[in-house]
Amino acid sequence: MKAIAIFFASVLLVGCQASQHDANVPEQHAQSLSSAGQNDNSNDADRLLSPRWQDDGTRLTQDQDLWNFIGDELKMKVPDNPRIREQKQKYLRNKSYLHDVTLRAEPYMYWIVEQIKQRKMPMELVLLPIVESAFDPHATSTANAAGIWQIVPQTGRNYGLKQTQWYDGRRDVVASTKVALDMMERMNRMFGGDWLLTIAAYNSGEGRVLKAMKANKSRGKPTDFWSLSLPRETTIYVPKMLALGELLKNNKRYGIQLPKPNETRALARVDVGQPIELTQAAEMAGMSLSKLKSFNAGYKRGSTGPTGPHYIMVPKSNVAQLRNSLATGDIAAVQNVALASNTTTASYKVRSGDTLSGIAKRLNVSMADLQRANNIRGGNIKPGQTLSLGSSGNAAKLADNGNSITYQVRKGDSLASIAKRHGVEMQDVMRWNSSGSKNIQPGDKLTLFVNNSATPDS
């Protein structure tokens, strides 16, 4: 049992408080036109548990006022620009909002500031979640962008951000921050190090910014951000960030009262290494379930789920109790929860032309198990009938992947491109379709189990 304690050796601070969604949250965000890879969350664990992170995530800010530290790091030039002046006046007309949103944002800052500093990126980026979501991890736009960084589902999948029936990494501050910064690093290289163009592209997509630059260049016009013809949302997005930076950096001059930073408001990341129910985590940490859920918005079903990630965010003051509970006799109860979480029931809706043996082969389960789980004698099934796939690890895998769809292969498709487009593994596509070969032809129909939030072409 003592060996389990290694999972709890590292505590990373990330602030989080429940909040109300900013009425001005943009509709479309970070719609990357190209794919990029991200290491799986489990691969990040080695880095996060390494000795360099033992300082608990506040190494850069623990000896000084957080907002003073951020203010000193805000170094982008703020031009005397009418768009910026307009946004400054809007914020100054509602100073109480600035106080409230910075109070809500402060707990997250310890993690985000450290990540930005490590990557040597502009500190102004830490202000984008204020513009995006008012630092509300539960925020969702009409375009289905979610979390503090407002990432749309497909962009998240392109960058390896896990989204299943159990977990949405877009609402996880650790995972989503990594992806947002990965995206901006890649786009900044694309725009030759110009951060205003990069931030505009994060909002509206790099394709739109590149098109606007090309149009200006063809007319002999400048291609800097201020000269481009972009959607209104994007034309005020960058000024909002710059206006916020100017006001927060010079808060006393503008009469803005910022909250006094308090590290006890920060969230700490505790890796448990196995599935755990949030109800039990809350009890072990000595805090209310509702509060724990608000800190762990990425978990959708009251548990870390059978396929992870397996970490819990709790206030710093609750870390010691949670770690002690996990490292003592209470760990047996967690192991029982893990077994229960891995026992999942999935289902399959029968389609025209299906046979019981074909379904069993396609889903990699035995026909006898299907018969037993559905109390069927022989192989009689009807279109529209829902079959239980039973409680098994394979069922858990299928449940985690979501709904069954049929995809018709098009010219130019490959198994790899189809799998990538739908956020699944190529090996799974081959297994679901009983194919030992990568050869497919236009017109072939493939069965895919995709995330519920996906909207793939059929």
Protein backbone atom coordinates (compact mmCIF):
# COMPACT_ATOMS: atom_id res chain seq x y z
CA MET A 1 0.00 0.00 0.00
CA LYS A 2 2.87 2.37 0.72
CA ALA A 3 3.90 2.14 -2.93
CA ILE A 4 0.67 3.92 -3.88
CA ALA A 5 1.97 7.02 -2.14
CA ILE A 6 4.24 7.77 -5.09
CA PHE A 7 1.17 8.91 -7.00
CA PHE A 8 0.67 11.69 -4.52
CA ALA A 9 4.23 12.97 -4.33
CA SER A 10 3.50 15.89 -6.62
CA VAL A 11 1.03 18.69 -6.07
CA LEU A 12 0.61 21.31 -8.77
CA LEU A 13 -1.25 24.50 -8.06
CA VAL A 14 -4.02 25.56 -10.34
CA GLY A 15 -6.61 28.08 -9.23
CA CYS A 16 -10.26 27.58 -9.84
CA GLN A 17 -13.56 29.03 -8.64
CA ALA A 18 -17.08 28.65 -10.00
CA SER A 19 -18.17 31.66 -12.02
CA GLN A 20 -20.82 33.18 -14.22
CA HIS A 21 -20.27 33.18 -17.98
CA ASP A 22 -19.22 36.54 -19.40
CA ALA A 23 -21.98 37.86 -21.59
CA ASN A 24 -19.40 38.80 -24.20
CA VAL A 25 -17.86 35.36 -24.66
CA PRO A 26 -16.92 35.04 -28.36
CA GLU A 27 -18.85 32.62 -30.53
CA GLN A 28 -15.96 30.96 -32.36
CA HIS A 29 -12.51 30.35 -31.00
CA ALA A 30 -9.25 28.65 -31.80
CA GLN A 31 -10.53 26.99 -34.96
CA SER A 32 -7.22 25.64 -36.17
CA LEU A 33 -7.11 24.67 -39.82
CA SER A 34 -4.31 22.19 -39.41
CA SER A 35 -3.70 19.28 -37.08
CA ALA A 36 -1.04 19.09 -34.42
CA GLY A 37 -0.05 16.43 -31.93
CA GLN A 38 -0.17 16.52 -28.17
CA ASN A 39 1.27 13.99 -25.77
CA ASP A 40 -1.31 11.94 -23.93
CA ASN A 41 -2.12 13.18 -20.44
CA SER A 42 -0.55 10.06 -18.99
CA ASN A 43 2.73 10.91 -20.70
CA ASP A 44 2.69 14.33 -19.05
CA ALA A 45 2.56 12.66 -15.63
CA ASP A 46 6.28 11.86 -15.70
CA ARG A 47 7.11 15.49 -16.33
CA LEU A 48 4.62 16.75 -13.78
CA LEU A 49 5.94 14.37 -11.11
CA SER A 50 9.58 15.24 -11.73
CA PRO A 51 11.60 16.99 -8.98
CA ARG A 52 11.51 20.36 -10.74
CA TRP A 53 7.77 20.56 -10.02
CA GLN A 54 8.06 19.82 -6.31
CA ASP A 55 7.75 23.56 -5.53
CA ASP A 56 3.92 23.12 -5.85
CA GLY A 57 3.48 25.44 -8.82
CA THR A 58 3.96 28.82 -7.12
CA ARG A 59 7.73 29.12 -7.30
CA LEU A 60 7.57 32.33 -9.36
CA THR A 61 4.94 34.12 -7.28
CA GLN A 62 5.06 32.90 -3.70
CA ASP A 63 7.19 35.78 -2.38
CA GLN A 64 5.39 38.67 -4.05
CA ASP A 65 1.99 40.05 -4.98
CA LEU A 66 0.62 38.01 -7.88
CA TRP A 67 -0.86 40.94 -9.77
CA ASN A 68 2.30 43.01 -9.33
CA PHE A 69 4.28 40.09 -10.71
CA ILE A 70 1.96 39.75 -13.71
CA GLY A 71 1.98 43.53 -14.22
CA ASP A 72 5.78 43.57 -14.34
CA GLU A 73 5.69 40.85 -17.00
CA LEU A 74 3.16 42.65 -19.25
CA LYS A 75 5.55 44.08 -21.82
CA MET A 76 3.57 44.37 -25.05
CA LYS A 77 3.42 47.91 -26.41
CA VAL A 78 -0.08 49.36 -26.03
CA PRO A 79 -0.57 51.94 -28.82
CA ASP A 80 -2.82 54.99 -28.52
CA ASN A 81 -5.51 53.37 -30.59
CA PRO A 82 -9.25 54.18 -30.69
CA ARG A 83 -10.18 50.52 -30.51
CA ILE A 84 -8.13 50.09 -27.35
CA ARG A 85 -9.48 53.32 -25.83
CA GLU A 86 -13.04 52.12 -26.44
CA GLN A 87 -12.41 48.81 -24.65
CA LYS A 88 -10.67 50.55 -21.75
CA GLN A 89 -13.67 52.82 -21.25
CA LYS A 90 -16.04 49.84 -21.28
CA TYR A 91 -14.04 48.09 -18.57
CA LEU A 92 -13.70 51.29 -16.52
CA ARG A 93 -17.47 51.78 -16.55
CA ASN A 94 -17.73 48.47 -14.67
CA LYS A 95 -14.82 48.38 -12.24
CA SER A 96 -16.67 45.95 -10.00
CA TYR A 97 -16.54 43.42 -12.85
CA LEU A 98 -12.77 43.78 -13.03
CA HIS A 99 -12.53 43.10 -9.30
CA ASP A 100 -14.83 40.07 -9.50
CA VAL A 101 -13.25 38.51 -12.58
CA THR A 102 -9.71 38.91 -11.22
CA LEU A 103 -10.82 37.37 -7.93
CA ARG A 104 -12.24 34.44 -9.89
CA ALA A 105 -9.16 34.23 -12.12
CA GLU A 106 -6.48 34.52 -9.44
CA PRO A 107 -6.49 30.86 -8.33
CA TYR A 108 -5.86 29.67 -11.91
CA MET A 109 -3.02 32.10 -12.38
CA TYR A 110 -0.38 30.20 -10.43
CA TRP A 111 -0.47 27.39 -12.98
CA ILE A 112 -0.93 29.49 -16.12
CA VAL A 113 1.73 32.07 -15.22
CA GLU A 114 4.23 29.30 -14.59
CA GLN A 115 3.44 27.63 -17.93
CA ILE A 116 3.76 30.89 -19.87
CA LYS A 117 6.99 31.76 -18.10
CA GLN A 118 8.47 28.31 -18.76
CA ARG A 119 7.71 28.67 -22.48
CA LYS A 120 8.97 32.29 -22.60
CA MET A 121 5.68 33.45 -24.09
CA PRO A 122 4.11 36.91 -23.53
CA MET A 123 2.43 37.21 -20.12
CA GLU A 124 -0.47 39.00 -21.83
CA LEU A 125 -1.74 35.54 -22.83
CA VAL A 126 -2.81 34.92 -19.24
CA LEU A 127 -5.50 37.57 -19.82
CA LEU A 128 -7.14 35.76 -22.75
CA PRO A 129 -9.37 33.55 -20.56
CA ILE A 130 -10.89 36.76 -19.14
CA VAL A 131 -11.81 37.80 -22.67
CA GLU A 132 -12.81 34.26 -23.65
CA SER A 133 -14.84 32.99 -20.72
CA ALA A 134 -14.43 35.22 -17.65
CA PHE A 135 -12.39 32.28 -16.31
CA ASP A 136 -15.42 29.99 -16.11
CA PRO A 137 -14.49 26.33 -16.85
CA HIS A 138 -18.20 25.57 -17.36
CA ALA A 139 -18.59 28.26 -20.05
CA THR A 140 -19.93 27.05 -23.41
CA SER A 141 -20.51 29.25 -26.46
CA THR A 142 -23.18 28.82 -29.11
CA ALA A 143 -20.44 27.38 -31.34
CA ASN A 144 -19.83 24.68 -28.67
CA ALA A 145 -16.49 26.15 -27.62
CA ALA A 146 -15.89 25.15 -24.00
CA GLY A 147 -13.76 25.87 -20.96
CA ILE A 148 -11.69 28.85 -19.91
CA TRP A 149 -9.84 28.85 -23.26
CA GLN A 150 -13.03 28.22 -25.29
CA ILE A 151 -11.76 25.38 -27.46
CA VAL A 152 -14.09 23.85 -30.04
CA PRO A 153 -14.37 20.03 -30.11
CA GLN A 154 -12.56 19.33 -33.38
CA THR A 155 -9.66 21.64 -32.60
CA GLY A 156 -9.28 19.92 -29.26
CA ARG A 157 -9.17 16.53 -30.98
CA ASN A 158 -6.62 17.81 -33.51
CA TYR A 159 -4.33 18.67 -30.62
CA GLY A 160 -4.90 15.39 -28.79
CA LEU A 161 -7.24 16.82 -26.14
CA LYS A 162 -9.18 13.92 -24.71
CA GLN A 163 -12.99 14.12 -24.99
CA THR A 164 -15.08 11.11 -23.99
CA GLN A 165 -18.38 10.36 -22.31
CA TRP A 166 -16.52 10.54 -19.01
CA TYR A 167 -14.18 13.48 -19.50
CA ASP A 168 -13.87 16.72 -21.48
CA GLY A 169 -10.31 18.02 -21.43
CA ARG A 170 -11.49 21.40 -22.72
CA ARG A 171 -12.84 22.09 -19.23
CA ASP A 172 -9.73 20.81 -17.46
CA VAL A 173 -7.51 23.80 -16.70
CA VAL A 174 -4.27 21.78 -16.89
CA ALA A 175 -5.01 19.99 -20.17
CA SER A 176 -6.71 22.94 -21.88
CA THR A 177 -3.96 25.39 -20.94
CA LYS A 178 -1.35 23.10 -22.47
CA VAL A 179 -3.33 22.82 -25.70
CA ALA A 180 -4.08 26.55 -25.92
CA LEU A 181 -0.39 27.42 -25.49
CA ASP A 182 0.65 24.66 -27.92
CA MET A 183 -1.70 26.15 -30.51
CA MET A 184 -0.40 29.67 -30.05
CA GLU A 185 3.22 28.56 -30.17
CA ARG A 186 2.60 26.85 -33.51
CA MET A 187 0.66 29.78 -34.95
CA ASN A 188 3.27 32.26 -33.74
CA ARG A 189 5.87 30.43 -35.82
CA MET A 190 3.47 30.62 -38.76
CA PHE A 191 3.16 34.41 -38.34
CA GLY A 192 6.88 35.03 -37.98
CA GLY A 193 6.76 35.81 -34.28
CA ASP A 194 4.00 38.46 -34.52
CA TRP A 195 1.93 37.95 -31.36
CA LEU A 196 -0.97 40.23 -32.32
CA LEU A 197 -1.53 38.21 -35.50
CA THR A 198 -1.17 35.03 -33.44
CA ILE A 199 -3.81 36.10 -30.94
CA ALA A 200 -6.14 37.19 -33.76
CA ALA A 201 -5.67 33.76 -35.36
CA TYR A 202 -6.46 32.05 -32.04
CA ASN A 203 -9.79 33.83 -32.09
CA SER A 204 -10.83 33.51 -35.73
CA GLY A 205 -8.57 30.83 -37.23
CA GLU A 206 -5.23 31.20 -38.97
CA GLY A 207 -6.79 30.69 -42.40
CA ARG A 208 -8.92 33.80 -42.04
CA VAL A 209 -5.96 35.91 -40.90
CA LEU A 210 -3.74 34.60 -43.69
CA LYS A 211 -6.45 35.39 -46.25
CA ALA A 212 -6.75 38.96 -44.93
CA MET A 213 -2.96 39.38 -45.08
CA LYS A 214 -2.87 38.08 -48.66
CA ALA A 215 -5.61 40.51 -49.69
CA ASN A 216 -3.72 43.46 -48.17
CA LYS A 217 -0.45 42.41 -49.74
CA SER A 218 -2.02 42.20 -53.20
CA ARG A 219 -3.22 45.80 -52.79
CA GLY A 220 0.11 47.06 -51.49
CA LYS A 221 -1.28 47.60 -47.99
CA PRO A 222 0.41 46.77 -44.65
CA THR A 223 -0.22 43.31 -43.22
CA ASP A 224 -0.02 44.10 -39.50
CA PHE A 225 -3.04 43.33 -37.29
CA TRP A 226 -4.34 46.92 -37.20
CA SER A 227 -4.43 47.12 -41.02
CA LEU A 228 -6.31 43.88 -41.69
CA SER A 229 -9.98 43.49 -42.55
CA LEU A 230 -11.17 40.87 -40.05
CA PRO A 231 -14.52 39.95 -38.44
CA ARG A 232 -15.69 42.49 -35.85
CA GLU A 233 -15.28 39.97 -33.04
CA THR A 234 -11.59 39.62 -33.88
CA THR A 235 -11.03 43.36 -34.41
CA ILE A 236 -12.01 43.96 -30.76
CA TYR A 237 -10.56 40.72 -29.36
CA VAL A 238 -6.93 41.89 -29.43
CA PRO A 239 -7.81 45.41 -28.17
CA LYS A 240 -9.70 43.85 -25.25
CA MET A 241 -6.60 41.94 -24.20
CA LEU A 242 -4.33 44.98 -24.55
CA ALA A 243 -6.81 47.19 -22.69
CA LEU A 244 -6.99 44.69 -19.84
CA GLY A 245 -3.22 44.57 -19.63
CA GLU A 246 -2.97 48.36 -19.47
CA LEU A 247 -5.62 48.61 -16.75
CA LEU A 248 -4.29 45.78 -14.57
CA LYS A 249 -0.69 46.93 -14.90
CA ASN A 250 -1.70 50.44 -13.82
CA ASN A 251 -4.65 49.54 -11.59
CA LYS A 252 -3.91 52.17 -8.94
CA ARG A 253 -3.75 54.95 -11.52
CA TYR A 254 -7.14 53.91 -12.87
CA GLY A 255 -8.71 53.41 -9.43
CA ILE A 256 -9.21 49.67 -9.90
CA GLN A 257 -9.25 47.62 -6.72
CA LEU A 258 -7.72 44.21 -7.31
CA PRO A 259 -8.20 41.41 -4.77
CA LYS A 260 -5.32 40.66 -2.45
CA PRO A 261 -3.79 37.39 -3.70
CA ASN A 262 -4.14 34.42 -1.40
CA GLU A 263 -2.45 31.13 -2.30
CA THR A 264 -4.96 29.18 -0.21
CA ARG A 265 -7.52 29.94 -2.96
CA ALA A 266 -5.40 27.97 -5.43
CA LEU A 267 -6.27 24.49 -6.58
CA ALA A 268 -3.74 21.70 -6.28
CA ARG A 269 -3.47 18.77 -8.64
CA VAL A 270 -3.22 15.40 -6.90
CA ASP A 271 -2.48 12.38 -9.13
CA VAL A 272 -4.23 9.25 -7.85
CA GLY A 273 -3.22 6.91 -10.66
CA GLN A 274 -6.53 5.02 -10.83
CA PRO A 275 -10.28 5.67 -11.19
CA ILE A 276 -11.98 7.37 -8.26
CA GLU A 277 -15.48 8.68 -7.69
CA LEU A 278 -15.76 12.36 -6.89
CA THR A 279 -18.04 11.61 -3.94
CA GLN A 280 -15.28 9.60 -2.32
CA ALA A 281 -12.59 12.09 -3.27
CA ALA A 282 -14.59 14.87 -1.62
CA GLU A 283 -15.01 12.81 1.54
CA MET A 284 -11.32 11.94 1.62
CA ALA A 285 -10.34 15.59 1.07
CA GLY A 286 -12.75 16.85 3.74
CA MET A 287 -14.76 19.13 1.47
CA SER A 288 -18.24 19.34 -0.06
CA LEU A 289 -19.03 17.39 -3.21
CA SER A 290 -20.44 20.47 -4.96
CA LYS A 291 -17.23 22.38 -4.33
CA LEU A 292 -15.08 19.50 -5.56
CA LYS A 293 -17.18 19.16 -8.71
CA SER A 294 -16.79 22.86 -9.45
CA PHE A 295 -13.02 22.38 -9.28
CA ASN A 296 -13.10 19.33 -11.57
CA ALA A 297 -15.33 20.49 -14.42
CA GLY A 298 -13.64 18.13 -16.88
CA TYR A 299 -15.23 15.07 -15.27
CA LYS A 300 -18.74 14.61 -16.64
CA ARG A 301 -20.08 11.56 -14.80
CA GLY A 302 -19.05 11.89 -11.17
CA SER A 303 -15.85 9.89 -11.60
CA THR A 304 -12.45 10.14 -13.22
CA GLY A 305 -13.65 7.30 -15.46
CA PRO A 306 -12.14 3.98 -16.48
CA THR A 307 -9.63 5.40 -18.98
CA GLY A 308 -8.48 8.50 -17.11
CA PRO A 309 -6.98 10.94 -16.58
CA HIS A 310 -6.86 10.18 -12.86
CA TYR A 311 -6.11 13.37 -10.99
CA ILE A 312 -8.20 15.47 -8.67
CA MET A 313 -8.06 19.24 -8.20
CA VAL A 314 -8.55 20.36 -4.59
CA PRO A 315 -7.77 23.54 -2.65
CA LYS A 316 -4.28 23.63 -1.22
CA SER A 317 -5.67 23.47 2.32
CA ASN A 318 -7.26 20.08 1.56
CA VAL A 319 -4.23 18.45 -0.07
CA ALA A 320 -2.68 16.95 3.06
CA GLN A 321 -5.93 15.28 4.13
CA LEU A 322 -6.54 13.82 0.67
CA ARG A 323 -3.00 12.52 0.36
CA ASN A 324 -3.07 10.99 3.85
CA SER A 325 -6.41 9.30 3.16
CA LEU A 326 -5.18 7.88 -0.13
CA ALA A 327 -1.95 6.61 1.41
CA THR A 328 -3.59 4.84 4.36
CA GLY A 329 -6.33 2.24 4.75
CA ASP A 330 -8.78 4.32 2.73
CA ILE A 331 -6.96 3.30 -0.43
CA ALA A 332 -8.77 -0.06 -0.36
CA ALA A 333 -12.05 1.74 -0.86
CA VAL A 334 -10.58 3.60 -3.82
CA GLN A 335 -9.51 0.30 -5.34
CA ASN A 336 -13.07 -0.96 -5.02
CA VAL A 337 -14.29 2.16 -6.79
CA ALA A 338 -11.75 1.53 -9.53
CA LEU A 339 -13.14 -1.93 -10.12
CA ALA A 340 -16.68 -0.58 -10.18
CA SER A 341 -15.73 2.19 -12.60
CA ASN A 342 -14.18 -0.30 -15.00
CA THR A 343 -17.39 -2.31 -15.08
CA THR A 344 -19.40 -0.44 -17.67
CA THR A 345 -22.41 -1.41 -19.74
CA ALA A 346 -22.45 -0.35 -23.40
CA SER A 347 -25.17 -0.88 -25.99
CA TYR A 348 -25.59 -1.26 -29.74
CA LYS A 349 -28.62 -0.37 -31.86
CA VAL A 350 -29.39 -3.03 -34.48
CA ARG A 351 -29.50 -1.80 -38.08
CA SER A 352 -31.09 -3.26 -41.19
CA GLY A 353 -29.00 -6.18 -42.47
CA ASP A 354 -27.29 -6.86 -39.12
CA THR A 355 -26.88 -10.38 -37.80
CA LEU A 356 -26.05 -11.32 -34.24
CA SER A 357 -22.88 -13.09 -35.32
CA GLY A 358 -21.86 -10.09 -37.46
CA ILE A 359 -22.40 -7.68 -34.56
CA ALA A 360 -20.38 -9.92 -32.24
CA LYS A 361 -17.52 -10.12 -34.73
CA ARG A 362 -17.60 -6.40 -35.48
CA LEU A 363 -17.56 -5.39 -31.81
CA ASN A 364 -15.05 -8.04 -30.75
CA VAL A 365 -17.39 -9.75 -28.27
CA SER A 366 -18.55 -13.36 -28.24
CA MET A 367 -21.94 -14.28 -29.64
CA ALA A 368 -22.61 -16.29 -26.46
CA ASP A 369 -22.04 -13.15 -24.35
CA LEU A 370 -24.46 -11.18 -26.52
CA GLN A 371 -27.09 -13.90 -26.22
CA ARG A 372 -26.64 -14.12 -22.47
CA ALA A 373 -26.67 -10.33 -21.91
CA ASN A 374 -29.89 -9.95 -23.94
CA ASN A 375 -31.65 -13.20 -23.03
CA ILE A 376 -31.70 -14.26 -26.70
CA ARG A 377 -32.01 -17.83 -27.93
CA GLY A 378 -30.66 -18.37 -31.41
CA GLY A 379 -29.86 -15.33 -33.52
CA ASN A 380 -33.17 -13.53 -33.96
CA ILE A 381 -32.80 -9.75 -33.80
CA LYS A 382 -34.77 -6.85 -35.32
CA PRO A 383 -33.69 -3.47 -36.76
CA GLY A 384 -34.06 -0.79 -34.09
CA GLN A 385 -33.54 -3.26 -31.26
CA THR A 386 -31.00 -2.16 -28.63
CA LEU A 387 -28.56 -4.83 -27.55
CA SER A 388 -26.66 -4.68 -24.29
CA LEU A 389 -22.99 -5.50 -24.78
CA GLY A 390 -22.68 -6.64 -21.20
CA SER A 391 -20.39 -5.45 -18.40
CA SER A 392 -16.80 -5.86 -19.40
CA GLY A 393 -13.60 -3.99 -20.08
CA ASN A 394 -14.46 -4.09 -23.79
CA ALA A 395 -17.87 -2.60 -23.02
CA ALA A 396 -16.15 0.16 -21.10
CA LYS A 397 -13.97 0.85 -24.11
CA LEU A 398 -17.01 1.04 -26.38
CA ALA A 399 -18.93 3.24 -23.93
CA ASP A 400 -15.96 5.56 -23.70
CA ASN A 401 -15.85 5.93 -27.46
CA GLY A 402 -19.52 6.94 -27.59
CA ASN A 403 -22.07 6.39 -30.37
CA SER A 404 -21.98 4.05 -33.35
CA ILE A 405 -22.07 5.70 -36.78
CA THR A 406 -21.67 4.47 -40.34
CA TYR A 407 -19.08 6.24 -42.47
CA GLN A 408 -18.98 5.81 -46.28
CA VAL A 409 -15.43 5.88 -47.63
CA ARG A 410 -14.72 8.67 -50.10
CA LYS A 411 -12.09 9.07 -52.78
CA GLY A 412 -8.76 9.95 -51.20
CA ASP A 413 -9.68 8.56 -47.76
CA SER A 414 -7.34 6.32 -45.81
CA LEU A 415 -8.00 4.47 -42.57
CA ALA A 416 -5.55 6.81 -40.86
CA SER A 417 -7.27 9.97 -42.12
CA ILE A 418 -10.73 8.65 -41.23
CA ALA A 419 -9.60 7.70 -37.74
CA LYS A 420 -7.96 11.10 -37.20
CA ARG A 421 -11.00 12.99 -38.49
CA HIS A 422 -13.29 11.20 -36.03
CA GLY A 423 -10.92 11.26 -33.06
CA VAL A 424 -10.38 7.48 -32.82
CA GLU A 425 -7.47 5.09 -33.28
CA MET A 426 -6.85 3.40 -36.64
CA GLN A 427 -6.38 0.03 -34.91
CA ASP A 428 -9.85 0.41 -33.37
CA VAL A 429 -11.38 1.16 -36.79
CA MET A 430 -9.82 -2.04 -38.13
CA ARG A 431 -11.05 -4.03 -35.13
CA TRP A 432 -14.59 -2.64 -35.27
CA ASN A 433 -14.80 -3.62 -38.92
CA SER A 434 -13.03 -6.99 -38.60
CA SER A 435 -10.37 -5.85 -41.02
CA GLY A 436 -6.79 -7.01 -40.82
CA SER A 437 -5.94 -4.82 -43.79
CA LYS A 438 -5.59 -1.09 -44.29
CA ASN A 439 -7.00 -1.37 -47.83
CA ILE A 440 -10.33 0.40 -48.31
CA GLN A 441 -12.23 1.48 -51.42
CA PRO A 442 -14.54 4.43 -52.11
CA GLY A 443 -18.09 3.37 -51.25
CA ASP A 444 -17.04 0.98 -48.46
CA LYS A 445 -19.04 1.49 -45.25
CA LEU A 446 -17.23 1.53 -41.92
CA THR A 447 -18.68 1.34 -38.41
CA LEU A 448 -17.14 3.89 -36.04
CA PHE A 449 -17.69 4.51 -32.36
CA VAL A 450 -17.28 8.25 -31.91
CA ASN A 451 -17.58 10.75 -29.09
CA ASN A 452 -21.13 12.01 -28.52
CA SER A 453 -20.08 15.60 -29.15
CA ALA A 454 -18.62 14.77 -32.56
CA THR A 455 -20.57 15.63 -35.71
CA PRO A 456 -18.83 13.51 -38.35
CA ASP A 457 -19.82 13.35 -41.97
CA SER A 458 -21.70 10.21 -42.91
